[in-house]
Amino acid sequence: MFRTLPENHSWVYDLIASDDVVRHHALARHQALLVAASEALHWSNRVWAQAGTPAPAEPHLAAEMDQARADFRWHQEQTIFGPLRAFFDSRRTDPAARQSYAPYLALYLQWEALYPQEWGAPESRMWSAWGTKESLLRQLDRSGVPEQVRPQISDLIVTALKRPYRCKDWMYARLVQHVLDTSFTSKIAALLGSEDPLVRLRAQFILHVARNPQHTVRRASWRRWLTSDTNI
């Protein structure tokens, strides 16, 4: 069930601040919260091991399990993962909440684009960063890109085309139809003049995707296109 987050998460935007001091302060805060969440998770696991079940019958263990889970949830919700989870939880039941939390999805992807070492550091996550990126891109493809983050997603697609490939970058091509307009097309067309031949090819591929909305982009679509007669 969707539950509105009670806290103000505006500070997480400092994770992409250009000021190193501001950004590192936010990063330290984010990572400290995750340490506390991890400790709470270990706590709940100890109670589970002691009780032999995730739902203890003994009142004192049941109470301790509730405390451990509440501690884990509270600390994790304070990080960027709180609004990300809220977005997923609200996507079908509360369209207004989905809109309000959508900027945090763009923020998470911008964080990876701008500061990949800080984004992907073991201290910055509890689970796979690439798995989270994949889940976000898949959700944006399935449910659509909310209007207020289309400019950011459009820029992220362009950025992905210009950089060395990163894990799950191929999924950005799936978002082309969701952000397609004359401004986006112009940005892609401008890459056709790049000095990097790979960037030029990628731009041609994205324009091909834009012209063929009936084709679902899959992991192998890029390589198939490279060997097809549509690669011109």
Protein backbone atom coordinates (compact mmCIF):
# COMPACT_ATOMS: atom_id res chain seq x y z
CA MET A 1 0.00 0.00 0.00
CA PHE A 2 1.27 3.46 -0.84
CA ARG A 3 2.31 5.64 2.06
CA THR A 4 3.27 9.29 1.61
CA LEU A 5 6.74 10.02 2.91
CA PRO A 6 6.68 12.40 5.87
CA GLU A 7 10.15 13.85 5.40
CA ASN A 8 11.53 16.60 3.20
CA HIS A 9 13.99 15.07 0.74
CA SER A 10 15.10 18.26 -0.98
CA TRP A 11 18.62 17.81 0.41
CA VAL A 12 19.24 14.80 -1.86
CA TYR A 13 19.49 17.16 -4.83
CA ASP A 14 22.84 18.15 -3.37
CA LEU A 15 24.11 14.73 -4.48
CA ILE A 16 24.58 16.29 -7.92
CA ALA A 17 25.75 19.72 -6.75
CA SER A 18 28.71 21.12 -8.67
CA ASP A 19 30.16 22.44 -5.41
CA ASP A 20 32.34 19.61 -4.09
CA VAL A 21 31.86 20.58 -0.44
CA VAL A 22 28.07 20.66 -0.73
CA ARG A 23 27.99 17.41 -2.71
CA HIS A 24 30.31 15.53 -0.38
CA HIS A 25 28.31 16.66 2.63
CA ALA A 26 25.15 15.25 1.04
CA LEU A 27 26.98 12.07 0.06
CA ALA A 28 28.20 11.58 3.63
CA ARG A 29 24.67 12.07 4.94
CA HIS A 30 23.25 9.62 2.44
CA GLN A 31 25.87 7.00 3.21
CA ALA A 32 25.52 7.40 7.00
CA LEU A 33 21.79 6.78 6.72
CA LEU A 34 22.44 3.64 4.71
CA VAL A 35 24.89 2.41 7.35
CA ALA A 36 22.17 2.84 9.97
CA ALA A 37 19.65 1.06 7.72
CA SER A 38 22.08 -1.81 7.20
CA GLU A 39 22.62 -2.14 10.94
CA ALA A 40 18.84 -2.27 11.44
CA LEU A 41 18.58 -4.97 8.77
CA HIS A 42 21.22 -7.03 10.57
CA TRP A 43 19.26 -6.51 13.77
CA SER A 44 16.07 -7.87 12.23
CA ASN A 45 18.04 -10.83 10.83
CA ARG A 46 19.36 -11.63 14.29
CA VAL A 47 15.84 -11.62 15.69
CA TRP A 48 14.74 -13.86 12.81
CA ALA A 49 17.55 -16.30 13.55
CA GLN A 50 16.70 -16.30 17.23
CA ALA A 51 12.99 -16.86 16.62
CA GLY A 52 13.45 -19.21 13.68
CA THR A 53 10.83 -17.26 11.73
CA PRO A 54 10.36 -13.75 10.29
CA ALA A 55 7.09 -13.52 12.25
CA PRO A 56 7.96 -14.36 15.86
CA ALA A 57 5.16 -15.61 18.08
CA GLU A 58 6.89 -14.63 21.32
CA PRO A 59 5.70 -11.11 22.29
CA HIS A 60 9.16 -9.78 23.18
CA LEU A 61 10.68 -11.02 19.91
CA ALA A 62 7.71 -9.77 17.88
CA ALA A 63 8.13 -6.33 19.43
CA GLU A 64 11.87 -6.36 18.76
CA MET A 65 11.29 -7.38 15.15
CA ASP A 66 8.83 -4.52 14.71
CA GLN A 67 11.37 -2.09 16.15
CA ALA A 68 14.15 -3.35 13.90
CA ARG A 69 12.01 -3.15 10.78
CA ALA A 70 10.76 0.32 11.68
CA ASP A 71 14.36 1.46 12.23
CA PHE A 72 15.40 0.05 8.87
CA ARG A 73 12.46 1.62 7.07
CA TRP A 74 12.95 5.03 8.69
CA HIS A 75 16.63 5.31 7.82
CA GLN A 76 16.26 4.04 4.28
CA GLU A 77 13.33 6.36 3.61
CA GLN A 78 15.49 9.38 4.46
CA THR A 79 17.81 8.63 1.53
CA ILE A 80 17.09 8.99 -2.17
CA PHE A 81 15.72 5.45 -2.07
CA GLY A 82 12.74 6.64 -0.03
CA PRO A 83 11.17 8.70 -2.82
CA LEU A 84 12.17 6.11 -5.39
CA ARG A 85 10.24 3.45 -3.49
CA ALA A 86 7.35 5.84 -3.02
CA PHE A 87 7.23 6.34 -6.78
CA PHE A 88 7.00 2.61 -7.39
CA ASP A 89 4.38 2.15 -4.67
CA SER A 90 2.20 4.98 -5.97
CA ARG A 91 2.42 4.37 -9.71
CA ARG A 92 -0.96 2.61 -9.94
CA THR A 93 -2.91 4.01 -7.00
CA ASP A 94 -1.97 7.68 -6.76
CA PRO A 95 -1.13 9.50 -10.01
CA ALA A 96 -0.55 12.79 -8.18
CA ALA A 97 2.03 11.20 -5.89
CA ARG A 98 3.68 9.55 -8.89
CA GLN A 99 4.10 12.97 -10.45
CA SER A 100 5.55 14.45 -7.27
CA TYR A 101 8.11 11.67 -6.85
CA ALA A 102 9.10 11.40 -10.53
CA PRO A 103 11.85 14.06 -10.26
CA TYR A 104 13.74 11.77 -7.89
CA LEU A 105 13.96 9.13 -10.62
CA ALA A 106 15.52 11.70 -12.92
CA LEU A 107 17.80 12.77 -10.08
CA TYR A 108 19.03 9.22 -9.49
CA LEU A 109 19.85 8.82 -13.18
CA GLN A 110 21.52 12.24 -13.29
CA TRP A 111 23.62 11.25 -10.28
CA GLU A 112 24.89 8.22 -12.18
CA ALA A 113 25.56 10.34 -15.27
CA LEU A 114 27.46 13.08 -13.45
CA TYR A 115 29.23 11.31 -10.59
CA PRO A 116 29.30 7.59 -11.35
CA GLN A 117 32.00 6.77 -8.79
CA GLU A 118 30.04 8.34 -5.94
CA TRP A 119 26.75 6.89 -7.24
CA GLY A 120 28.10 3.38 -7.57
CA ALA A 121 30.23 3.26 -4.42
CA PRO A 122 29.35 0.32 -2.13
CA GLU A 123 28.62 2.84 0.63
CA SER A 124 26.02 4.60 -1.55
CA ARG A 125 23.74 1.60 -1.93
CA MET A 126 22.39 -1.47 -0.20
CA TRP A 127 21.64 -3.44 -3.34
CA SER A 128 22.78 -3.38 -6.96
CA ALA A 129 23.01 0.15 -8.35
CA TRP A 130 22.74 -1.28 -11.87
CA GLY A 131 19.64 -3.22 -10.84
CA THR A 132 18.06 -0.03 -9.53
CA LYS A 133 18.93 1.81 -12.75
CA GLU A 134 17.39 -1.01 -14.78
CA SER A 135 14.21 -0.98 -12.69
CA LEU A 136 13.79 2.78 -13.10
CA LEU A 137 14.33 2.72 -16.86
CA ARG A 138 11.95 -0.21 -17.24
CA GLN A 139 9.30 1.56 -15.20
CA LEU A 140 9.61 4.73 -17.26
CA ASP A 141 9.20 2.66 -20.41
CA ARG A 142 6.18 0.75 -19.14
CA SER A 143 4.33 3.60 -17.44
CA GLY A 144 5.58 6.51 -19.51
CA VAL A 145 7.85 9.42 -18.71
CA PRO A 146 6.02 11.98 -16.56
CA GLU A 147 5.77 15.31 -18.32
CA GLN A 148 7.75 17.30 -15.77
CA VAL A 149 10.87 15.13 -16.16
CA ARG A 150 10.85 14.72 -19.94
CA PRO A 151 13.52 17.41 -20.47
CA GLN A 152 15.85 15.68 -18.00
CA ILE A 153 15.26 12.24 -19.50
CA SER A 154 15.77 13.66 -22.98
CA ASP A 155 19.14 15.09 -21.90
CA LEU A 156 20.09 11.80 -20.23
CA ILE A 157 19.50 9.94 -23.49
CA VAL A 158 21.76 12.38 -25.33
CA THR A 159 24.40 12.06 -22.60
CA ALA A 160 24.32 8.27 -22.83
CA LEU A 161 24.92 8.45 -26.57
CA LYS A 162 28.04 10.57 -26.14
CA ARG A 163 29.80 8.61 -23.37
CA PRO A 164 31.43 5.18 -23.21
CA TYR A 165 28.76 2.54 -22.72
CA ARG A 166 27.63 1.87 -19.15
CA CYS A 167 25.62 -1.06 -17.87
CA LYS A 168 21.93 -0.82 -18.87
CA ASP A 169 22.47 2.23 -21.10
CA TRP A 170 20.79 0.37 -23.96
CA MET A 171 17.48 0.79 -22.12
CA TYR A 172 17.54 4.55 -22.73
CA ALA A 173 16.61 3.79 -26.34
CA ARG A 174 13.30 2.45 -25.04
CA LEU A 175 12.41 5.91 -23.76
CA VAL A 176 12.78 7.63 -27.13
CA GLN A 177 9.08 7.40 -27.99
CA HIS A 178 8.18 8.86 -24.58
CA VAL A 179 10.23 12.05 -25.07
CA LEU A 180 10.00 12.40 -28.83
CA ASP A 181 9.47 15.97 -30.03
CA THR A 182 11.22 18.40 -32.35
CA SER A 183 13.62 19.55 -29.64
CA PHE A 184 14.76 15.99 -28.91
CA THR A 185 15.08 15.17 -32.60
CA SER A 186 17.21 18.27 -33.12
CA LYS A 187 19.55 17.24 -30.30
CA ILE A 188 20.00 13.80 -31.84
CA ALA A 189 20.43 15.19 -35.33
CA ALA A 190 23.19 17.47 -34.05
CA LEU A 191 25.15 14.38 -33.01
CA LEU A 192 25.31 13.26 -36.62
CA GLY A 193 28.09 15.81 -37.01
CA SER A 194 30.15 14.42 -34.13
CA GLU A 195 33.83 13.69 -34.71
CA ASP A 196 33.33 10.35 -32.96
CA PRO A 197 32.07 7.75 -35.49
CA LEU A 198 30.46 5.69 -32.72
CA VAL A 199 28.42 8.69 -31.57
CA ARG A 200 27.31 9.29 -35.16
CA LEU A 201 26.18 5.68 -35.45
CA ARG A 202 24.32 5.82 -32.17
CA ALA A 203 22.53 8.97 -33.27
CA GLN A 204 21.50 7.29 -36.52
CA PHE A 205 20.18 4.35 -34.54
CA ILE A 206 18.12 6.58 -32.23
CA LEU A 207 16.62 8.36 -35.24
CA HIS A 208 15.78 4.93 -36.65
CA VAL A 209 14.05 4.06 -33.35
CA ALA A 210 12.16 7.36 -33.50
CA ARG A 211 10.92 6.61 -37.03
CA ASN A 212 9.82 3.08 -36.17
CA PRO A 213 7.67 3.15 -33.03
CA GLN A 214 6.15 -0.21 -33.98
CA HIS A 215 9.45 -1.94 -33.20
CA THR A 216 10.19 -2.77 -29.58
CA VAL A 217 13.78 -1.96 -28.63
CA ARG A 218 15.54 -4.95 -27.16
CA ARG A 219 19.08 -5.62 -26.02
CA ALA A 220 20.02 -7.03 -29.42
CA SER A 221 18.32 -4.28 -31.46
CA TRP A 222 21.47 -2.18 -31.76
CA ARG A 223 23.60 -5.01 -33.16
CA ARG A 224 20.86 -6.13 -35.53
CA TRP A 225 20.54 -2.58 -36.82
CA LEU A 226 24.30 -2.35 -37.38
CA THR A 227 24.15 -5.27 -39.80
CA SER A 228 20.88 -4.34 -41.48
CA ASP A 229 20.29 -2.36 -44.65
CA THR A 230 18.54 0.34 -42.58
CA ASN A 231 21.94 1.40 -41.28
CA ILE A 232 22.62 4.26 -43.65
